mmCIF file of all heavy atoms, coordinates in Angstrom:
data_MODEL
# 
_entry.id   MODEL 
# 
loop_
_atom_site.group_PDB 
_atom_site.id 
_atom_site.type_symbol 
_atom_site.label_atom_id 
_atom_site.label_alt_id 
_atom_site.label_comp_id 
_atom_site.label_asym_id 
_atom_site.label_entity_id 
_atom_site.label_seq_id 
_atom_site.pdbx_PDB_ins_code 
_atom_site.Cartn_x 
_atom_site.Cartn_y 
_atom_site.Cartn_z 
_atom_site.occupancy 
_atom_site.B_iso_or_equiv 
_atom_site.pdbx_formal_charge 
_atom_site.auth_seq_id 
_atom_site.auth_comp_id 
_atom_site.auth_asym_id 
_atom_site.auth_atom_id 
_atom_site.pdbx_PDB_model_num 
ATOM 1   N N   . SER A 1 1  ? 3.974  -15.737 -7.515  1.00 0.00 ? 1  SER A N   1 
ATOM 2   C CA  . SER A 1 1  ? 4.271  -16.963 -8.304  1.00 0.00 ? 1  SER A CA  1 
ATOM 3   C C   . SER A 1 1  ? 3.736  -16.613 -9.710  1.00 0.00 ? 1  SER A C   1 
ATOM 4   O O   . SER A 1 1  ? 3.393  -15.514 -10.010 1.00 0.00 ? 1  SER A O   1 
ATOM 5   C CB  . SER A 1 1  ? 3.597  -18.120 -7.742  1.00 0.00 ? 1  SER A CB  1 
ATOM 6   O OG  . SER A 1 1  ? 2.136  -18.103 -7.867  1.00 0.00 ? 1  SER A OG  1 
ATOM 7   N N   . LYS A 1 2  ? 3.772  -17.623 -10.481 1.00 0.00 ? 2  LYS A N   1 
ATOM 8   C CA  . LYS A 1 2  ? 3.237  -17.382 -12.035 1.00 0.00 ? 2  LYS A CA  1 
ATOM 9   C C   . LYS A 1 2  ? 1.741  -17.117 -11.961 1.00 0.00 ? 2  LYS A C   1 
ATOM 10  O O   . LYS A 1 2  ? 1.216  -16.498 -12.771 1.00 0.00 ? 2  LYS A O   1 
ATOM 11  C CB  . LYS A 1 2  ? 3.476  -18.453 -12.818 1.00 0.00 ? 2  LYS A CB  1 
ATOM 12  C CG  . LYS A 1 2  ? 5.003  -18.789 -13.146 1.00 0.00 ? 2  LYS A CG  1 
ATOM 13  C CD  . LYS A 1 2  ? 5.181  -20.017 -14.069 1.00 0.00 ? 2  LYS A CD  1 
ATOM 14  C CE  . LYS A 1 2  ? 6.721  -20.131 -14.283 1.00 0.00 ? 2  LYS A CE  1 
ATOM 15  N NZ  . LYS A 1 2  ? 6.915  -21.422 -14.922 1.00 0.00 ? 2  LYS A NZ  1 
ATOM 16  N N   . LYS A 1 3  ? 1.065  -17.638 -10.936 1.00 0.00 ? 3  LYS A N   1 
ATOM 17  C CA  . LYS A 1 3  ? -0.421 -17.467 -10.906 1.00 0.00 ? 3  LYS A CA  1 
ATOM 18  C C   . LYS A 1 3  ? -0.933 -16.453 -9.830  1.00 0.00 ? 3  LYS A C   1 
ATOM 19  O O   . LYS A 1 3  ? -2.112 -16.077 -10.006 1.00 0.00 ? 3  LYS A O   1 
ATOM 20  C CB  . LYS A 1 3  ? -1.107 -18.879 -10.523 1.00 0.00 ? 3  LYS A CB  1 
ATOM 21  C CG  . LYS A 1 3  ? -0.724 -19.934 -11.514 1.00 0.00 ? 3  LYS A CG  1 
ATOM 22  C CD  . LYS A 1 3  ? -1.352 -21.239 -11.146 1.00 0.00 ? 3  LYS A CD  1 
ATOM 23  C CE  . LYS A 1 3  ? -0.946 -22.430 -11.944 1.00 0.00 ? 3  LYS A CE  1 
ATOM 24  N NZ  . LYS A 1 3  ? -1.328 -23.644 -11.443 1.00 0.00 ? 3  LYS A NZ  1 
ATOM 25  N N   . THR A 1 4  ? -0.194 -16.127 -8.772  1.00 0.00 ? 4  THR A N   1 
ATOM 26  C CA  . THR A 1 4  ? -0.769 -15.421 -7.620  1.00 0.00 ? 4  THR A CA  1 
ATOM 27  C C   . THR A 1 4  ? 0.235  -14.390 -7.218  1.00 0.00 ? 4  THR A C   1 
ATOM 28  O O   . THR A 1 4  ? 1.442  -14.654 -7.269  1.00 0.00 ? 4  THR A O   1 
ATOM 29  C CB  . THR A 1 4  ? -1.003 -16.454 -6.488  1.00 0.00 ? 4  THR A CB  1 
ATOM 30  O OG1 . THR A 1 4  ? -1.812 -17.492 -6.890  1.00 0.00 ? 4  THR A OG1 1 
ATOM 31  C CG2 . THR A 1 4  ? -1.623 -15.709 -5.278  1.00 0.00 ? 4  THR A CG2 1 
ATOM 32  N N   . ILE A 1 5  ? -0.353 -13.354 -6.762  1.00 0.00 ? 5  ILE A N   1 
ATOM 33  C CA  . ILE A 1 5  ? 0.410  -12.142 -6.201  1.00 0.00 ? 5  ILE A CA  1 
ATOM 34  C C   . ILE A 1 5  ? -0.143 -11.954 -4.804  1.00 0.00 ? 5  ILE A C   1 
ATOM 35  O O   . ILE A 1 5  ? -1.387 -11.953 -4.715  1.00 0.00 ? 5  ILE A O   1 
ATOM 36  C CB  . ILE A 1 5  ? 0.512  -10.946 -7.084  1.00 0.00 ? 5  ILE A CB  1 
ATOM 37  C CG1 . ILE A 1 5  ? 1.354  -9.941  -6.583  1.00 0.00 ? 5  ILE A CG1 1 
ATOM 38  C CG2 . ILE A 1 5  ? -0.925 -10.432 -7.404  1.00 0.00 ? 5  ILE A CG2 1 
ATOM 39  C CD1 . ILE A 1 5  ? 1.751  -8.818  -7.474  1.00 0.00 ? 5  ILE A CD1 1 
ATOM 40  N N   . ALA A 1 6  ? 0.671  -11.693 -3.859  1.00 0.00 ? 6  ALA A N   1 
ATOM 41  C CA  . ALA A 1 6  ? 0.231  -11.486 -2.524  1.00 0.00 ? 6  ALA A CA  1 
ATOM 42  C C   . ALA A 1 6  ? 0.435  -9.920  -2.292  1.00 0.00 ? 6  ALA A C   1 
ATOM 43  O O   . ALA A 1 6  ? 1.758  -9.509  -2.162  1.00 0.00 ? 6  ALA A O   1 
ATOM 44  C CB  . ALA A 1 6  ? 1.071  -12.234 -1.409  1.00 0.00 ? 6  ALA A CB  1 
ATOM 45  N N   . VAL A 1 7  ? -0.522 -9.165  -2.184  1.00 0.00 ? 7  VAL A N   1 
ATOM 46  C CA  . VAL A 1 7  ? -0.314 -7.693  -1.899  1.00 0.00 ? 7  VAL A CA  1 
ATOM 47  C C   . VAL A 1 7  ? -0.644 -7.454  -0.366  1.00 0.00 ? 7  VAL A C   1 
ATOM 48  O O   . VAL A 1 7  ? -1.729 -7.729  0.096   1.00 0.00 ? 7  VAL A O   1 
ATOM 49  C CB  . VAL A 1 7  ? -1.297 -6.846  -2.840  1.00 0.00 ? 7  VAL A CB  1 
ATOM 50  C CG1 . VAL A 1 7  ? -1.186 -5.365  -2.493  1.00 0.00 ? 7  VAL A CG1 1 
ATOM 51  C CG2 . VAL A 1 7  ? -0.990 -7.177  -4.203  1.00 0.00 ? 7  VAL A CG2 1 
ATOM 52  N N   . PRO A 1 8  ? 0.409  -6.885  0.370   1.00 0.00 ? 8  PRO A N   1 
ATOM 53  C CA  . PRO A 1 8  ? 0.154  -6.613  1.811   1.00 0.00 ? 8  PRO A CA  1 
ATOM 54  C C   . PRO A 1 8  ? -0.881 -5.494  2.041   1.00 0.00 ? 8  PRO A C   1 
ATOM 55  O O   . PRO A 1 8  ? -1.114 -4.626  1.092   1.00 0.00 ? 8  PRO A O   1 
ATOM 56  C CB  . PRO A 1 8  ? 1.504  -6.289  2.284   1.00 0.00 ? 8  PRO A CB  1 
ATOM 57  C CG  . PRO A 1 8  ? 2.156  -5.750  1.149   1.00 0.00 ? 8  PRO A CG  1 
ATOM 58  C CD  . PRO A 1 8  ? 1.637  -6.454  -0.098  1.00 0.00 ? 8  PRO A CD  1 
ATOM 59  N N   . PRO A 1 9  ? -1.548 -5.510  3.155   1.00 0.00 ? 9  PRO A N   1 
ATOM 60  C CA  . PRO A 1 9  ? -2.433 -4.417  3.513   1.00 0.00 ? 9  PRO A CA  1 
ATOM 61  C C   . PRO A 1 9  ? -1.690 -3.082  3.574   1.00 0.00 ? 9  PRO A C   1 
ATOM 62  O O   . PRO A 1 9  ? -2.314 -1.971  3.283   1.00 0.00 ? 9  PRO A O   1 
ATOM 63  C CB  . PRO A 1 9  ? -2.964 -4.806  4.838   1.00 0.00 ? 9  PRO A CB  1 
ATOM 64  C CG  . PRO A 1 9  ? -2.341 -6.024  5.349   1.00 0.00 ? 9  PRO A CG  1 
ATOM 65  C CD  . PRO A 1 9  ? -1.460 -6.501  4.296   1.00 0.00 ? 9  PRO A CD  1 
ATOM 66  N N   . GLY A 1 10 ? -0.409 -3.112  3.649   1.00 0.00 ? 10 GLY A N   1 
ATOM 67  C CA  . GLY A 1 10 ? 0.384  -1.919  3.707   1.00 0.00 ? 10 GLY A CA  1 
ATOM 68  C C   . GLY A 1 10 ? 0.317  -1.152  2.320   1.00 0.00 ? 10 GLY A C   1 
ATOM 69  O O   . GLY A 1 10 ? 0.505  0.082   2.319   1.00 0.00 ? 10 GLY A O   1 
ATOM 70  N N   . ALA A 1 11 ? 0.014  -1.843  1.241   1.00 0.00 ? 11 ALA A N   1 
ATOM 71  C CA  . ALA A 1 11 ? -0.197 -1.122  -0.010  1.00 0.00 ? 11 ALA A CA  1 
ATOM 72  C C   . ALA A 1 11 ? -1.339 -0.180  0.194   1.00 0.00 ? 11 ALA A C   1 
ATOM 73  O O   . ALA A 1 11 ? -1.304 0.841   -0.437  1.00 0.00 ? 11 ALA A O   1 
ATOM 74  C CB  . ALA A 1 11 ? -0.457 -2.181  -1.179  1.00 0.00 ? 11 ALA A CB  1 
ATOM 75  N N   . THR A 1 12 ? -2.455 -0.719  0.744   1.00 0.00 ? 12 THR A N   1 
ATOM 76  C CA  . THR A 1 12 ? -3.585 0.137   0.994   1.00 0.00 ? 12 THR A CA  1 
ATOM 77  C C   . THR A 1 12 ? -3.322 1.409   1.915   1.00 0.00 ? 12 THR A C   1 
ATOM 78  O O   . THR A 1 12 ? -3.731 2.473   1.670   1.00 0.00 ? 12 THR A O   1 
ATOM 79  C CB  . THR A 1 12 ? -4.770 -0.624  1.483   1.00 0.00 ? 12 THR A CB  1 
ATOM 80  O OG1 . THR A 1 12 ? -5.025 -1.766  0.604   1.00 0.00 ? 12 THR A OG1 1 
ATOM 81  C CG2 . THR A 1 12 ? -6.096 0.125   1.607   1.00 0.00 ? 12 THR A CG2 1 
ATOM 82  N N   . ILE A 1 13 ? -2.464 1.035   2.968   1.00 0.00 ? 13 ILE A N   1 
ATOM 83  C CA  . ILE A 1 13 ? -2.044 2.097   3.829   1.00 0.00 ? 13 ILE A CA  1 
ATOM 84  C C   . ILE A 1 13 ? -1.266 3.192   3.046   1.00 0.00 ? 13 ILE A C   1 
ATOM 85  O O   . ILE A 1 13 ? -1.496 4.369   3.247   1.00 0.00 ? 13 ILE A O   1 
ATOM 86  C CB  . ILE A 1 13 ? -1.210 1.582   4.988   1.00 0.00 ? 13 ILE A CB  1 
ATOM 87  C CG1 . ILE A 1 13 ? -2.026 0.673   5.885   1.00 0.00 ? 13 ILE A CG1 1 
ATOM 88  C CG2 . ILE A 1 13 ? -0.603 2.733   5.850   1.00 0.00 ? 13 ILE A CG2 1 
ATOM 89  C CD1 . ILE A 1 13 ? -1.214 -0.169  6.960   1.00 0.00 ? 13 ILE A CD1 1 
ATOM 90  N N   . LYS A 1 14 ? -0.459 2.692   2.251   1.00 0.00 ? 14 LYS A N   1 
ATOM 91  C CA  . LYS A 1 14 ? 0.442  3.664   1.450   1.00 0.00 ? 14 LYS A CA  1 
ATOM 92  C C   . LYS A 1 14 ? -0.423 4.570   0.581   1.00 0.00 ? 14 LYS A C   1 
ATOM 93  O O   . LYS A 1 14 ? -0.239 5.701   0.432   1.00 0.00 ? 14 LYS A O   1 
ATOM 94  C CB  . LYS A 1 14 ? 1.447  2.783   0.557   1.00 0.00 ? 14 LYS A CB  1 
ATOM 95  C CG  . LYS A 1 14 ? 2.521  3.709   -0.054  1.00 0.00 ? 14 LYS A CG  1 
ATOM 96  C CD  . LYS A 1 14 ? 3.546  2.774   -0.758  1.00 0.00 ? 14 LYS A CD  1 
ATOM 97  C CE  . LYS A 1 14 ? 4.691  3.624   -1.256  1.00 0.00 ? 14 LYS A CE  1 
ATOM 98  N NZ  . LYS A 1 14 ? 5.744  2.821   -1.878  1.00 0.00 ? 14 LYS A NZ  1 
ATOM 99  N N   . GLU A 1 15 ? -1.382 3.904   -0.076  1.00 0.00 ? 15 GLU A N   1 
ATOM 100 C CA  . GLU A 1 15 ? -2.324 4.732   -0.852  1.00 0.00 ? 15 GLU A CA  1 
ATOM 101 C C   . GLU A 1 15 ? -3.128 5.720   -0.025  1.00 0.00 ? 15 GLU A C   1 
ATOM 102 O O   . GLU A 1 15 ? -3.256 6.797   -0.478  1.00 0.00 ? 15 GLU A O   1 
ATOM 103 C CB  . GLU A 1 15 ? -3.359 3.737   -1.601  1.00 0.00 ? 15 GLU A CB  1 
ATOM 104 C CG  . GLU A 1 15 ? -2.852 2.875   -2.688  1.00 0.00 ? 15 GLU A CG  1 
ATOM 105 C CD  . GLU A 1 15 ? -3.841 1.896   -3.185  1.00 0.00 ? 15 GLU A CD  1 
ATOM 106 O OE1 . GLU A 1 15 ? -5.064 1.955   -2.889  1.00 0.00 ? 15 GLU A OE1 1 
ATOM 107 O OE2 . GLU A 1 15 ? -3.418 1.057   -4.066  1.00 0.00 ? 15 GLU A OE2 1 
ATOM 108 N N   . GLN A 1 16 ? -3.527 5.378   1.119   1.00 0.00 ? 16 GLN A N   1 
ATOM 109 C CA  . GLN A 1 16 ? -4.249 6.227   2.004   1.00 0.00 ? 16 GLN A CA  1 
ATOM 110 C C   . GLN A 1 16 ? -3.316 7.472   2.431   1.00 0.00 ? 16 GLN A C   1 
ATOM 111 O O   . GLN A 1 16 ? -3.796 8.526   2.472   1.00 0.00 ? 16 GLN A O   1 
ATOM 112 C CB  . GLN A 1 16 ? -4.657 5.439   3.295   1.00 0.00 ? 16 GLN A CB  1 
ATOM 113 C CG  . GLN A 1 16 ? -5.802 4.508   3.075   1.00 0.00 ? 16 GLN A CG  1 
ATOM 114 C CD  . GLN A 1 16 ? -7.209 5.144   2.912   1.00 0.00 ? 16 GLN A CD  1 
ATOM 115 O OE1 . GLN A 1 16 ? -7.477 6.071   3.526   1.00 0.00 ? 16 GLN A OE1 1 
ATOM 116 N NE2 . GLN A 1 16 ? -7.908 4.503   1.960   1.00 0.00 ? 16 GLN A NE2 1 
ATOM 117 N N   . LEU A 1 17 ? -2.118 7.100   2.725   1.00 0.00 ? 17 LEU A N   1 
ATOM 118 C CA  . LEU A 1 17 ? -1.156 8.117   3.049   1.00 0.00 ? 17 LEU A CA  1 
ATOM 119 C C   . LEU A 1 17 ? -0.962 9.107   1.847   1.00 0.00 ? 17 LEU A C   1 
ATOM 120 O O   . LEU A 1 17 ? -0.857 10.370  2.021   1.00 0.00 ? 17 LEU A O   1 
ATOM 121 C CB  . LEU A 1 17 ? 0.112  7.650   3.491   1.00 0.00 ? 17 LEU A CB  1 
ATOM 122 C CG  . LEU A 1 17 ? 0.161  6.816   4.849   1.00 0.00 ? 17 LEU A CG  1 
ATOM 123 C CD1 . LEU A 1 17 ? 1.521  6.308   5.199   1.00 0.00 ? 17 LEU A CD1 1 
ATOM 124 C CD2 . LEU A 1 17 ? -0.542 7.526   5.921   1.00 0.00 ? 17 LEU A CD2 1 
ATOM 125 N N   . GLN A 1 18 ? -0.766 8.660   0.681   1.00 0.00 ? 18 GLN A N   1 
ATOM 126 C CA  . GLN A 1 18 ? -0.614 9.373   -0.446  1.00 0.00 ? 18 GLN A CA  1 
ATOM 127 C C   . GLN A 1 18 ? -1.817 10.308  -0.778  1.00 0.00 ? 18 GLN A C   1 
ATOM 128 O O   . GLN A 1 18 ? -1.675 11.479  -1.053  1.00 0.00 ? 18 GLN A O   1 
ATOM 129 C CB  . GLN A 1 18 ? -0.290 8.593   -1.771  1.00 0.00 ? 18 GLN A CB  1 
ATOM 130 C CG  . GLN A 1 18 ? 1.044  7.847   -1.761  1.00 0.00 ? 18 GLN A CG  1 
ATOM 131 C CD  . GLN A 1 18 ? 1.271  6.758   -2.769  1.00 0.00 ? 18 GLN A CD  1 
ATOM 132 O OE1 . GLN A 1 18 ? 0.388  6.268   -3.408  1.00 0.00 ? 18 GLN A OE1 1 
ATOM 133 N NE2 . GLN A 1 18 ? 2.455  6.508   -3.015  1.00 0.00 ? 18 GLN A NE2 1 
ATOM 134 N N   . ASP A 1 19 ? -2.941 9.733   -0.558  1.00 0.00 ? 19 ASP A N   1 
ATOM 135 C CA  . ASP A 1 19 ? -4.258 10.482  -0.823  1.00 0.00 ? 19 ASP A CA  1 
ATOM 136 C C   . ASP A 1 19 ? -4.371 11.659  0.274   1.00 0.00 ? 19 ASP A C   1 
ATOM 137 O O   . ASP A 1 19 ? -4.879 12.739  -0.114  1.00 0.00 ? 19 ASP A O   1 
ATOM 138 C CB  . ASP A 1 19 ? -5.445 9.608   -0.712  1.00 0.00 ? 19 ASP A CB  1 
ATOM 139 C CG  . ASP A 1 19 ? -5.593 8.600   -1.848  1.00 0.00 ? 19 ASP A CG  1 
ATOM 140 O OD1 . ASP A 1 19 ? -4.868 8.771   -2.818  1.00 0.00 ? 19 ASP A OD1 1 
ATOM 141 O OD2 . ASP A 1 19 ? -6.473 7.665   -1.666  1.00 0.00 ? 19 ASP A OD2 1 
ATOM 142 N N   . ARG A 1 20 ? -3.745 11.497  1.353   1.00 0.00 ? 20 ARG A N   1 
ATOM 143 C CA  . ARG A 1 20 ? -3.756 12.430  2.512   1.00 0.00 ? 20 ARG A CA  1 
ATOM 144 C C   . ARG A 1 20 ? -2.663 13.363  2.485   1.00 0.00 ? 20 ARG A C   1 
ATOM 145 O O   . ARG A 1 20 ? -2.485 14.220  3.294   1.00 0.00 ? 20 ARG A O   1 
ATOM 146 C CB  . ARG A 1 20 ? -3.975 11.832  3.780   1.00 0.00 ? 20 ARG A CB  1 
ATOM 147 C CG  . ARG A 1 20 ? -5.320 11.128  4.098   1.00 0.00 ? 20 ARG A CG  1 
ATOM 148 C CD  . ARG A 1 20 ? -5.300 10.295  5.361   1.00 0.00 ? 20 ARG A CD  1 
ATOM 149 N NE  . ARG A 1 20 ? -6.583 9.933   5.801   1.00 0.00 ? 20 ARG A NE  1 
ATOM 150 C CZ  . ARG A 1 20 ? -7.285 8.873   5.159   1.00 0.00 ? 20 ARG A CZ  1 
ATOM 151 N NH1 . ARG A 1 20 ? -6.765 8.208   4.188   1.00 0.00 ? 20 ARG A NH1 1 
ATOM 152 N NH2 . ARG A 1 20 ? -8.511 8.598   5.666   1.00 0.00 ? 20 ARG A NH2 1 
ATOM 153 N N   . HIS A 1 21 ? -1.651 13.100  1.567   1.00 0.00 ? 21 HIS A N   1 
ATOM 154 C CA  . HIS A 1 21 ? -0.336 13.819  1.548   1.00 0.00 ? 21 HIS A CA  1 
ATOM 155 C C   . HIS A 1 21 ? 0.318  13.780  2.893   1.00 0.00 ? 21 HIS A C   1 
ATOM 156 O O   . HIS A 1 21 ? 0.763  14.769  3.385   1.00 0.00 ? 21 HIS A O   1 
ATOM 157 C CB  . HIS A 1 21 ? -0.609 15.252  1.041   1.00 0.00 ? 21 HIS A CB  1 
ATOM 158 C CG  . HIS A 1 21 ? -1.241 15.359  -0.288  1.00 0.00 ? 21 HIS A CG  1 
ATOM 159 N ND1 . HIS A 1 21 ? -0.684 14.968  -1.478  1.00 0.00 ? 21 HIS A ND1 1 
ATOM 160 C CD2 . HIS A 1 21 ? -2.565 15.670  -0.533  1.00 0.00 ? 21 HIS A CD2 1 
ATOM 161 C CE1 . HIS A 1 21 ? -1.470 15.151  -2.427  1.00 0.00 ? 21 HIS A CE1 1 
ATOM 162 N NE2 . HIS A 1 21 ? -2.644 15.563  -1.959  1.00 0.00 ? 21 HIS A NE2 1 
ATOM 163 N N   . MET A 1 22 ? 0.315  12.538  3.506   1.00 0.00 ? 22 MET A N   1 
ATOM 164 C CA  . MET A 1 22 ? 0.769  12.364  4.884   1.00 0.00 ? 22 MET A CA  1 
ATOM 165 C C   . MET A 1 22 ? 2.086  11.671  4.721   1.00 0.00 ? 22 MET A C   1 
ATOM 166 O O   . MET A 1 22 ? 2.134  10.495  4.024   1.00 0.00 ? 22 MET A O   1 
ATOM 167 C CB  . MET A 1 22 ? -0.182 11.697  5.745   1.00 0.00 ? 22 MET A CB  1 
ATOM 168 C CG  . MET A 1 22 ? 0.187  11.645  7.199   1.00 0.00 ? 22 MET A CG  1 
ATOM 169 S SD  . MET A 1 22 ? -0.876 10.574  8.171   1.00 0.00 ? 22 MET A SD  1 
ATOM 170 C CE  . MET A 1 22 ? -2.442 11.443  8.012   1.00 0.00 ? 22 MET A CE  1 
ATOM 171 N N   . SER A 1 23 ? 3.152  12.040  5.340   1.00 0.00 ? 23 SER A N   1 
ATOM 172 C CA  . SER A 1 23 ? 4.453  11.302  5.443   1.00 0.00 ? 23 SER A CA  1 
ATOM 173 C C   . SER A 1 23 ? 4.362  10.084  6.372   1.00 0.00 ? 23 SER A C   1 
ATOM 174 O O   . SER A 1 23 ? 3.436  10.115  7.314   1.00 0.00 ? 23 SER A O   1 
ATOM 175 C CB  . SER A 1 23 ? 5.532  12.217  5.854   1.00 0.00 ? 23 SER A CB  1 
ATOM 176 O OG  . SER A 1 23 ? 5.436  12.523  7.199   1.00 0.00 ? 23 SER A OG  1 
ATOM 177 N N   . GLN A 1 24 ? 5.251  9.082   6.207   1.00 0.00 ? 24 GLN A N   1 
ATOM 178 C CA  . GLN A 1 24 ? 5.276  7.931   7.073   1.00 0.00 ? 24 GLN A CA  1 
ATOM 179 C C   . GLN A 1 24 ? 5.593  8.396   8.493   1.00 0.00 ? 24 GLN A C   1 
ATOM 180 O O   . GLN A 1 24 ? 5.102  7.880   9.478   1.00 0.00 ? 24 GLN A O   1 
ATOM 181 C CB  . GLN A 1 24 ? 6.212  6.896   6.579   1.00 0.00 ? 24 GLN A CB  1 
ATOM 182 C CG  . GLN A 1 24 ? 5.699  6.121   5.484   1.00 0.00 ? 24 GLN A CG  1 
ATOM 183 C CD  . GLN A 1 24 ? 6.626  4.912   5.063   1.00 0.00 ? 24 GLN A CD  1 
ATOM 184 O OE1 . GLN A 1 24 ? 7.353  4.515   5.851   1.00 0.00 ? 24 GLN A OE1 1 
ATOM 185 N NE2 . GLN A 1 24 ? 6.543  4.562   3.804   1.00 0.00 ? 24 GLN A NE2 1 
ATOM 186 N N   . LYS A 1 25 ? 6.348  9.436   8.529   1.00 0.00 ? 25 LYS A N   1 
ATOM 187 C CA  . LYS A 1 25 ? 6.828  9.949   9.804   1.00 0.00 ? 25 LYS A CA  1 
ATOM 188 C C   . LYS A 1 25 ? 5.652  10.537  10.670  1.00 0.00 ? 25 LYS A C   1 
ATOM 189 O O   . LYS A 1 25 ? 5.335  10.186  11.850  1.00 0.00 ? 25 LYS A O   1 
ATOM 190 C CB  . LYS A 1 25 ? 7.931  11.060  9.694   1.00 0.00 ? 25 LYS A CB  1 
ATOM 191 C CG  . LYS A 1 25 ? 8.392  11.609  11.059  1.00 0.00 ? 25 LYS A CG  1 
ATOM 192 C CD  . LYS A 1 25 ? 9.495  12.516  10.788  1.00 0.00 ? 25 LYS A CD  1 
ATOM 193 C CE  . LYS A 1 25 ? 10.052 13.084  12.206  1.00 0.00 ? 25 LYS A CE  1 
ATOM 194 N NZ  . LYS A 1 25 ? 11.163 13.849  12.110  1.00 0.00 ? 25 LYS A NZ  1 
# 
């Protein structure tokens, strides 16, 4: 909304995968 953003825990998972150079597969 104009005041709030909802970031799913999946964003953290995605960061973790990127840091580990791990594919979703």
